[in-house]
Amino acid sequence: MQSNDSTIYLISCVSQKRDQACAARDLYISDWFIKSRRYAESSPCSWYILSAEYGLINPDQIIAPYERTLNTMPAKDRRSWAKCVFLQILEAEPGLKQVIFLAGEKYREFLSLHLSEQNVKVLVPMRGLRIGEQKSWLLRHSPLLVEQA
């Protein structure tokens, strides 16, 4: 999935999932994920899912449900995960200039460092917002969600 303007959205995986393999875009079923997905899809840019199990996932990729999360993973394992995901991003988006994270701190921390070192601009529009505040922010900023409200 090549983005048109060298910007991508990265959305973190969530614990609420369907119980069978399906396209990654449809596997995650939490209200937060659905709102984040619709927000990213309202942009002409590509978007990917950050999966604790699979790394960088194209939304169309078929994957099975899993239980792994970065939130309970030791820092050394999160560092290793971030390095692998960074390499996946470079392969998927070779001309990348900007990343917009819709993901928590544990999913961003080490990955942001790798991206910044490559002069990729890192944006975190919902930084510091609690989950309910993030859902409200997504509702206010997504044309697709506003139309459906």
N, C-alpha and C. Protein backbone atom coordinates (compact mmCIF):
# COMPACT_ATOMS: atom_id res chain seq x y z
N MET A 1 0.85 -1.17 0.00
CA MET A 1 0.00 0.00 0.00
C MET A 1 0.90 1.23 0.00
N GLN A 2 0.99 1.92 -1.08
CA GLN A 2 1.87 3.10 -1.21
C GLN A 2 1.03 4.36 -1.04
N SER A 3 1.43 5.23 -0.13
CA SER A 3 0.67 6.46 0.08
C SER A 3 1.03 7.49 -0.99
N ASN A 4 0.08 8.37 -1.27
CA ASN A 4 0.27 9.37 -2.32
C ASN A 4 1.20 10.49 -1.90
N ASP A 5 1.15 10.90 -0.64
CA ASP A 5 1.91 12.08 -0.24
C ASP A 5 2.97 11.77 0.81
N SER A 6 3.40 10.55 0.91
CA SER A 6 4.46 10.09 1.81
C SER A 6 4.11 10.31 3.29
N THR A 7 2.83 10.28 3.60
CA THR A 7 2.34 10.30 4.98
C THR A 7 1.55 9.02 5.19
N ILE A 8 1.72 8.40 6.36
CA ILE A 8 0.91 7.24 6.72
C ILE A 8 0.35 7.42 8.12
N TYR A 9 -0.75 6.71 8.37
CA TYR A 9 -1.33 6.61 9.70
C TYR A 9 -0.98 5.24 10.27
N LEU A 10 -0.64 5.21 11.55
CA LEU A 10 -0.38 3.95 12.24
C LEU A 10 -1.35 3.85 13.41
N ILE A 11 -2.17 2.80 13.39
CA ILE A 11 -3.18 2.58 14.43
C ILE A 11 -2.79 1.33 15.22
N SER A 12 -2.79 1.44 16.54
CA SER A 12 -2.41 0.28 17.35
C SER A 12 -3.53 -0.74 17.39
N CYS A 13 -3.13 -1.99 17.55
CA CYS A 13 -4.08 -3.07 17.73
C CYS A 13 -4.79 -2.89 19.07
N VAL A 14 -5.88 -3.61 19.26
CA VAL A 14 -6.65 -3.56 20.50
C VAL A 14 -6.99 -4.98 20.94
N SER A 15 -7.40 -5.14 22.17
CA SER A 15 -7.69 -6.48 22.68
C SER A 15 -9.01 -7.04 22.17
N GLN A 16 -9.98 -6.18 21.86
CA GLN A 16 -11.27 -6.67 21.37
C GLN A 16 -11.15 -7.07 19.91
N LYS A 17 -11.31 -8.38 19.67
CA LYS A 17 -11.15 -8.91 18.31
C LYS A 17 -12.26 -9.91 17.99
N ARG A 18 -12.48 -10.11 16.71
CA ARG A 18 -13.35 -11.21 16.28
C ARG A 18 -12.66 -12.51 16.67
N ASP A 19 -13.40 -13.60 16.66
CA ASP A 19 -12.82 -14.88 17.10
C ASP A 19 -12.36 -15.76 15.94
N GLN A 20 -12.27 -15.19 14.75
CA GLN A 20 -11.78 -15.97 13.60
C GLN A 20 -10.93 -15.08 12.71
N ALA A 21 -10.09 -15.71 11.91
CA ALA A 21 -9.21 -14.98 10.99
C ALA A 21 -10.05 -14.19 9.99
N CYS A 22 -9.58 -12.98 9.69
CA CYS A 22 -10.23 -12.13 8.70
C CYS A 22 -9.27 -11.01 8.33
N ALA A 23 -9.69 -10.12 7.44
CA ALA A 23 -8.87 -8.97 7.09
C ALA A 23 -8.60 -8.18 8.36
N ALA A 24 -7.37 -7.72 8.51
CA ALA A 24 -6.98 -7.02 9.73
C ALA A 24 -7.90 -5.83 10.02
N ARG A 25 -8.32 -5.11 8.99
CA ARG A 25 -9.19 -3.95 9.19
C ARG A 25 -10.48 -4.33 9.91
N ASP A 26 -10.91 -5.59 9.77
CA ASP A 26 -12.16 -6.06 10.37
C ASP A 26 -11.96 -6.89 11.63
N LEU A 27 -10.71 -7.28 11.92
CA LEU A 27 -10.45 -8.13 13.09
C LEU A 27 -10.69 -7.39 14.40
N TYR A 28 -10.26 -6.15 14.45
CA TYR A 28 -10.33 -5.37 15.69
C TYR A 28 -11.69 -4.68 15.76
N ILE A 29 -12.41 -4.89 16.87
CA ILE A 29 -13.81 -4.47 16.90
C ILE A 29 -14.14 -3.48 18.02
N SER A 30 -13.15 -2.94 18.69
CA SER A 30 -13.45 -1.96 19.74
C SER A 30 -13.96 -0.66 19.10
N ASP A 31 -14.75 0.07 19.85
CA ASP A 31 -15.27 1.36 19.38
C ASP A 31 -14.12 2.30 19.04
N TRP A 32 -13.07 2.32 19.88
CA TRP A 32 -11.91 3.19 19.63
C TRP A 32 -11.24 2.83 18.30
N PHE A 33 -11.02 1.53 18.06
CA PHE A 33 -10.35 1.13 16.83
C PHE A 33 -11.20 1.50 15.61
N ILE A 34 -12.49 1.24 15.68
CA ILE A 34 -13.37 1.54 14.55
C ILE A 34 -13.35 3.04 14.24
N LYS A 35 -13.38 3.88 15.27
CA LYS A 35 -13.32 5.32 15.06
C LYS A 35 -11.95 5.73 14.49
N SER A 36 -10.88 5.13 15.00
CA SER A 36 -9.53 5.44 14.49
C SER A 36 -9.40 5.02 13.03
N ARG A 37 -9.91 3.86 12.72
CA ARG A 37 -9.87 3.36 11.33
C ARG A 37 -10.62 4.32 10.41
N ARG A 38 -11.81 4.71 10.80
CA ARG A 38 -12.60 5.62 9.95
C ARG A 38 -11.90 6.97 9.80
N TYR A 39 -11.26 7.43 10.85
CA TYR A 39 -10.51 8.68 10.77
C TYR A 39 -9.38 8.55 9.74
N ALA A 40 -8.62 7.49 9.83
CA ALA A 40 -7.52 7.27 8.88
C ALA A 40 -8.06 7.10 7.46
N GLU A 41 -9.16 6.39 7.32
CA GLU A 41 -9.73 6.16 6.00
C GLU A 41 -10.31 7.42 5.38
N SER A 42 -10.57 8.45 6.19
CA SER A 42 -11.09 9.70 5.65
C SER A 42 -9.98 10.53 4.98
N SER A 43 -8.75 10.09 5.14
CA SER A 43 -7.60 10.74 4.53
C SER A 43 -7.22 9.99 3.24
N PRO A 44 -6.57 10.68 2.31
CA PRO A 44 -6.09 9.97 1.11
C PRO A 44 -4.83 9.14 1.39
N CYS A 45 -4.30 9.23 2.59
CA CYS A 45 -3.04 8.55 2.94
C CYS A 45 -3.27 7.08 3.26
N SER A 46 -2.22 6.31 3.15
CA SER A 46 -2.26 4.90 3.54
C SER A 46 -2.31 4.79 5.06
N TRP A 47 -2.79 3.67 5.53
CA TRP A 47 -2.76 3.42 6.97
C TRP A 47 -2.43 1.95 7.20
N TYR A 48 -1.86 1.72 8.36
CA TYR A 48 -1.44 0.37 8.76
C TYR A 48 -1.81 0.16 10.22
N ILE A 49 -1.80 -1.10 10.60
CA ILE A 49 -2.06 -1.46 11.99
C ILE A 49 -0.75 -1.90 12.62
N LEU A 50 -0.51 -1.42 13.85
CA LEU A 50 0.64 -1.86 14.64
C LEU A 50 0.17 -3.01 15.52
N SER A 51 0.62 -4.20 15.21
CA SER A 51 0.20 -5.40 15.93
C SER A 51 1.34 -5.92 16.79
N ALA A 52 1.05 -6.16 18.06
CA ALA A 52 2.06 -6.73 18.95
C ALA A 52 2.48 -8.12 18.47
N GLU A 53 1.61 -8.82 17.80
CA GLU A 53 1.89 -10.17 17.32
C GLU A 53 2.56 -10.19 15.95
N TYR A 54 2.04 -9.40 15.02
CA TYR A 54 2.46 -9.48 13.62
C TYR A 54 3.34 -8.31 13.15
N GLY A 55 3.50 -7.28 13.94
CA GLY A 55 4.27 -6.11 13.52
C GLY A 55 3.41 -5.15 12.72
N LEU A 56 3.91 -4.69 11.58
CA LEU A 56 3.17 -3.77 10.71
C LEU A 56 2.24 -4.60 9.83
N ILE A 57 0.97 -4.26 9.86
CA ILE A 57 -0.02 -5.02 9.11
C ILE A 57 -0.74 -4.11 8.12
N ASN A 58 -0.79 -4.56 6.87
CA ASN A 58 -1.64 -3.92 5.87
C ASN A 58 -3.09 -4.25 6.26
N PRO A 59 -4.00 -3.29 6.22
CA PRO A 59 -5.39 -3.55 6.64
C PRO A 59 -6.07 -4.69 5.89
N ASP A 60 -5.62 -4.98 4.67
CA ASP A 60 -6.24 -6.05 3.89
C ASP A 60 -5.66 -7.43 4.19
N GLN A 61 -4.58 -7.48 4.96
CA GLN A 61 -3.93 -8.76 5.27
C GLN A 61 -4.84 -9.60 6.16
N ILE A 62 -4.96 -10.88 5.83
CA ILE A 62 -5.76 -11.80 6.64
C ILE A 62 -4.89 -12.28 7.81
N ILE A 63 -5.40 -12.08 9.01
CA ILE A 63 -4.68 -12.52 10.20
C ILE A 63 -5.64 -13.20 11.17
N ALA A 64 -5.07 -14.03 12.03
CA ALA A 64 -5.85 -14.73 13.05
C ALA A 64 -5.83 -13.92 14.35
N PRO A 65 -6.85 -14.09 15.17
CA PRO A 65 -6.86 -13.39 16.47
C PRO A 65 -5.70 -13.86 17.34
N TYR A 66 -5.30 -13.02 18.29
CA TYR A 66 -4.17 -13.31 19.18
C TYR A 66 -4.36 -12.52 20.46
N GLU A 67 -3.53 -12.78 21.44
CA GLU A 67 -3.67 -12.12 22.75
C GLU A 67 -2.49 -11.22 23.12
N ARG A 68 -1.42 -11.18 22.36
CA ARG A 68 -0.22 -10.42 22.71
C ARG A 68 -0.48 -8.92 22.71
N THR A 69 0.13 -8.20 23.65
CA THR A 69 0.05 -6.75 23.71
C THR A 69 1.40 -6.18 24.12
N LEU A 70 1.72 -5.01 23.63
CA LEU A 70 2.96 -4.36 24.04
C LEU A 70 2.83 -3.79 25.44
N ASN A 71 1.61 -3.58 25.92
CA ASN A 71 1.40 -2.94 27.22
C ASN A 71 1.98 -3.72 28.39
N THR A 72 2.15 -5.03 28.24
CA THR A 72 2.73 -5.84 29.32
C THR A 72 4.10 -6.40 28.96
N MET A 73 4.62 -6.02 27.81
CA MET A 73 5.90 -6.53 27.32
C MET A 73 7.06 -5.75 27.94
N PRO A 74 8.15 -6.44 28.32
CA PRO A 74 9.33 -5.73 28.84
C PRO A 74 9.92 -4.78 27.80
N ALA A 75 10.60 -3.74 28.27
CA ALA A 75 11.16 -2.71 27.38
C ALA A 75 12.07 -3.31 26.31
N LYS A 76 12.91 -4.29 26.67
CA LYS A 76 13.82 -4.85 25.67
C LYS A 76 13.05 -5.53 24.54
N ASP A 77 11.93 -6.16 24.85
CA ASP A 77 11.11 -6.79 23.81
C ASP A 77 10.39 -5.74 22.96
N ARG A 78 9.96 -4.64 23.59
CA ARG A 78 9.33 -3.56 22.83
C ARG A 78 10.35 -2.90 21.90
N ARG A 79 11.59 -2.78 22.36
CA ARG A 79 12.66 -2.22 21.50
C ARG A 79 12.86 -3.10 20.27
N SER A 80 12.92 -4.38 20.49
CA SER A 80 13.12 -5.34 19.40
C SER A 80 11.92 -5.29 18.43
N TRP A 81 10.73 -5.26 18.98
CA TRP A 81 9.52 -5.16 18.16
C TRP A 81 9.57 -3.89 17.31
N ALA A 82 9.93 -2.76 17.93
CA ALA A 82 9.97 -1.48 17.22
C ALA A 82 10.98 -1.50 16.08
N LYS A 83 12.12 -2.12 16.29
CA LYS A 83 13.14 -2.20 15.23
C LYS A 83 12.60 -3.00 14.04
N CYS A 84 11.94 -4.12 14.32
CA CYS A 84 11.36 -4.94 13.25
C CYS A 84 10.27 -4.17 12.50
N VAL A 85 9.41 -3.49 13.24
CA VAL A 85 8.33 -2.72 12.60
C VAL A 85 8.91 -1.57 11.78
N PHE A 86 9.93 -0.92 12.29
CA PHE A 86 10.59 0.16 11.55
C PHE A 86 11.09 -0.35 10.20
N LEU A 87 11.72 -1.51 10.19
CA LEU A 87 12.21 -2.09 8.93
C LEU A 87 11.05 -2.43 7.99
N GLN A 88 9.95 -2.91 8.56
CA GLN A 88 8.76 -3.20 7.75
C GLN A 88 8.21 -1.91 7.12
N ILE A 89 8.21 -0.82 7.90
CA ILE A 89 7.72 0.47 7.39
C ILE A 89 8.61 0.95 6.24
N LEU A 90 9.92 0.87 6.42
CA LEU A 90 10.84 1.31 5.36
C LEU A 90 10.61 0.53 4.07
N GLU A 91 10.32 -0.74 4.20
CA GLU A 91 10.07 -1.57 3.01
C GLU A 91 8.73 -1.21 2.36
N ALA A 92 7.70 -1.00 3.19
CA ALA A 92 6.36 -0.72 2.67
C ALA A 92 6.23 0.70 2.12
N GLU A 93 6.94 1.64 2.72
CA GLU A 93 6.80 3.06 2.37
C GLU A 93 8.18 3.70 2.23
N PRO A 94 8.91 3.39 1.16
CA PRO A 94 10.30 3.85 1.03
C PRO A 94 10.49 5.37 1.02
N GLY A 95 9.52 6.15 0.57
CA GLY A 95 9.68 7.61 0.53
C GLY A 95 9.00 8.31 1.69
N LEU A 96 8.80 7.62 2.77
CA LEU A 96 8.03 8.14 3.90
C LEU A 96 8.62 9.43 4.46
N LYS A 97 7.74 10.42 4.66
CA LYS A 97 8.15 11.71 5.24
C LYS A 97 7.46 12.00 6.57
N GLN A 98 6.27 11.40 6.78
CA GLN A 98 5.50 11.74 7.99
C GLN A 98 4.66 10.55 8.44
N VAL A 99 4.61 10.36 9.76
CA VAL A 99 3.77 9.33 10.37
C VAL A 99 2.84 10.00 11.37
N ILE A 100 1.57 9.64 11.29
CA ILE A 100 0.58 10.11 12.25
C ILE A 100 0.18 8.90 13.08
N PHE A 101 0.52 8.94 14.37
CA PHE A 101 0.23 7.83 15.27
C PHE A 101 -1.15 7.98 15.90
N LEU A 102 -1.95 6.94 15.78
CA LEU A 102 -3.16 6.77 16.56
C LEU A 102 -2.87 5.52 17.40
N ALA A 103 -2.04 5.71 18.40
CA ALA A 103 -1.53 4.57 19.17
C ALA A 103 -1.01 5.07 20.50
N GLY A 104 -1.05 4.18 21.48
CA GLY A 104 -0.57 4.51 22.81
C GLY A 104 0.95 4.59 22.89
N GLU A 105 1.42 5.08 24.01
CA GLU A 105 2.85 5.32 24.23
C GLU A 105 3.70 4.06 24.01
N LYS A 106 3.27 2.92 24.49
CA LYS A 106 4.09 1.70 24.36
C LYS A 106 4.27 1.30 22.90
N TYR A 107 3.33 1.66 22.05
CA TYR A 107 3.43 1.35 20.62
C TYR A 107 4.25 2.39 19.87
N ARG A 108 4.38 3.58 20.46
CA ARG A 108 5.07 4.68 19.78
C ARG A 108 6.51 4.86 20.22
N GLU A 109 6.79 4.62 21.50
CA GLU A 109 8.04 5.09 22.13
C GLU A 109 9.29 4.80 21.32
N PHE A 110 9.62 3.57 21.09
CA PHE A 110 10.87 3.23 20.40
C PHE A 110 10.74 3.38 18.89
N LEU A 111 9.56 3.14 18.37
CA LEU A 111 9.33 3.29 16.93
C LEU A 111 9.48 4.76 16.52
N SER A 112 8.99 5.68 17.34
CA SER A 112 9.13 7.11 17.05
C SER A 112 10.59 7.52 16.95
N LEU A 113 11.42 6.95 17.82
CA LEU A 113 12.85 7.27 17.79
C LEU A 113 13.48 6.85 16.46
N HIS A 114 13.18 5.62 16.03
CA HIS A 114 13.72 5.14 14.74
C HIS A 114 13.28 6.04 13.59
N LEU A 115 12.01 6.41 13.59
CA LEU A 115 11.47 7.25 12.52
C LEU A 115 12.13 8.62 12.52
N SER A 116 12.24 9.22 13.70
CA SER A 116 12.85 10.55 13.81
C SER A 116 14.30 10.54 13.34
N GLU A 117 15.01 9.46 13.66
CA GLU A 117 16.41 9.35 13.22
C GLU A 117 16.54 9.31 11.70
N GLN A 118 15.46 8.93 11.02
CA GLN A 118 15.44 8.91 9.55
C GLN A 118 14.77 10.16 8.98
N ASN A 119 14.64 11.19 9.83
CA ASN A 119 14.03 12.46 9.43
C ASN A 119 12.57 12.32 9.00
N VAL A 120 11.88 11.34 9.57
CA VAL A 120 10.45 11.20 9.35
C VAL A 120 9.75 11.99 10.46
N LYS A 121 8.87 12.89 10.07
CA LYS A 121 8.13 13.70 11.04
C LYS A 121 7.10 12.81 11.73
N VAL A 122 7.05 12.89 13.06
CA VAL A 122 6.14 12.07 13.86
C VAL A 122 5.10 12.98 14.50
N LEU A 123 3.83 12.70 14.23
CA LEU A 123 2.72 13.44 14.82
C LEU A 123 1.88 12.51 15.68
N VAL A 124 1.46 13.02 16.83
CA VAL A 124 0.60 12.26 17.75
C VAL A 124 -0.56 13.18 18.14
N PRO A 125 -1.58 13.26 17.28
CA PRO A 125 -2.63 14.27 17.49
C PRO A 125 -3.43 14.09 18.78
N MET A 126 -3.49 12.89 19.33
CA MET A 126 -4.28 12.66 20.55
C MET A 126 -3.40 12.45 21.78
N ARG A 127 -2.15 12.86 21.70
CA ARG A 127 -1.22 12.69 22.83
C ARG A 127 -1.82 13.28 24.11
N GLY A 128 -1.77 12.50 25.18
CA GLY A 128 -2.22 12.98 26.48
C GLY A 128 -3.72 12.85 26.73
N LEU A 129 -4.49 12.46 25.72
CA LEU A 129 -5.93 12.31 25.91
C LEU A 129 -6.26 10.92 26.45
N ARG A 130 -7.21 10.86 27.37
CA ARG A 130 -7.70 9.57 27.86
C ARG A 130 -8.59 8.95 26.77
N ILE A 131 -8.92 7.68 26.93
CA ILE A 131 -9.62 6.94 25.87
C ILE A 131 -10.94 7.60 25.47
N GLY A 132 -11.73 8.03 26.43
CA GLY A 132 -13.00 8.71 26.12
C GLY A 132 -12.76 10.01 25.37
N GLU A 133 -11.74 10.74 25.78
CA GLU A 133 -11.38 11.99 25.09
C GLU A 133 -10.89 11.72 23.67
N GLN A 134 -10.18 10.60 23.49
CA GLN A 134 -9.72 10.23 22.15
C GLN A 134 -10.92 9.92 21.25
N LYS A 135 -11.90 9.19 21.76
CA LYS A 135 -13.08 8.87 20.95
C LYS A 135 -13.83 10.15 20.57
N SER A 136 -13.93 11.08 21.49
CA SER A 136 -14.57 12.37 21.18
C SER A 136 -13.77 13.13 20.13
N TRP A 137 -12.45 13.14 20.28
CA TRP A 137 -11.58 13.82 19.31
C TRP A 137 -11.78 13.22 17.92
N LEU A 138 -11.78 11.89 17.85
CA LEU A 138 -11.96 11.21 16.57
C LEU A 138 -13.31 11.54 15.95
N LEU A 139 -14.35 11.60 16.77
CA LEU A 139 -15.68 11.97 16.27
C LEU A 139 -15.68 13.39 15.69
N ARG A 140 -15.03 14.31 16.38
CA ARG A 140 -15.00 15.70 15.92
C ARG A 140 -14.17 15.89 14.65
N HIS A 141 -13.15 15.06 14.45
CA HIS A 141 -12.20 15.29 13.36
C HIS A 141 -12.35 14.39 12.15
N SER A 142 -13.29 13.47 12.18
CA SER A 142 -13.44 12.55 11.05
C SER A 142 -14.71 12.86 10.27
N PRO A 143 -14.58 13.26 9.01
CA PRO A 143 -15.77 13.51 8.18
C PRO A 143 -16.66 12.29 8.08
N LEU A 144 -16.07 11.09 7.99
CA LEU A 144 -16.87 9.87 7.87
C LEU A 144 -17.70 9.64 9.13
N LEU A 145 -17.15 9.95 10.30
CA LEU A 145 -17.89 9.73 11.54
C LEU A 145 -18.95 10.80 11.75
N VAL A 146 -18.66 12.03 11.37
CA VAL A 146 -19.63 13.12 11.52
C VAL A 146 -20.87 12.83 10.68
N GLU A 147 -20.65 12.33 9.45
CA GLU A 147 -21.77 12.02 8.56
C GLU A 147 -22.65 10.92 9.12
N GLN A 148 -22.05 9.97 9.86
CA GLN A 148 -22.80 8.83 10.38
C GLN A 148 -23.43 9.10 11.74
N ALA A 149 -23.06 10.18 12.38
CA ALA A 149 -23.56 10.47 13.74
C ALA A 149 -25.03 10.87 13.71
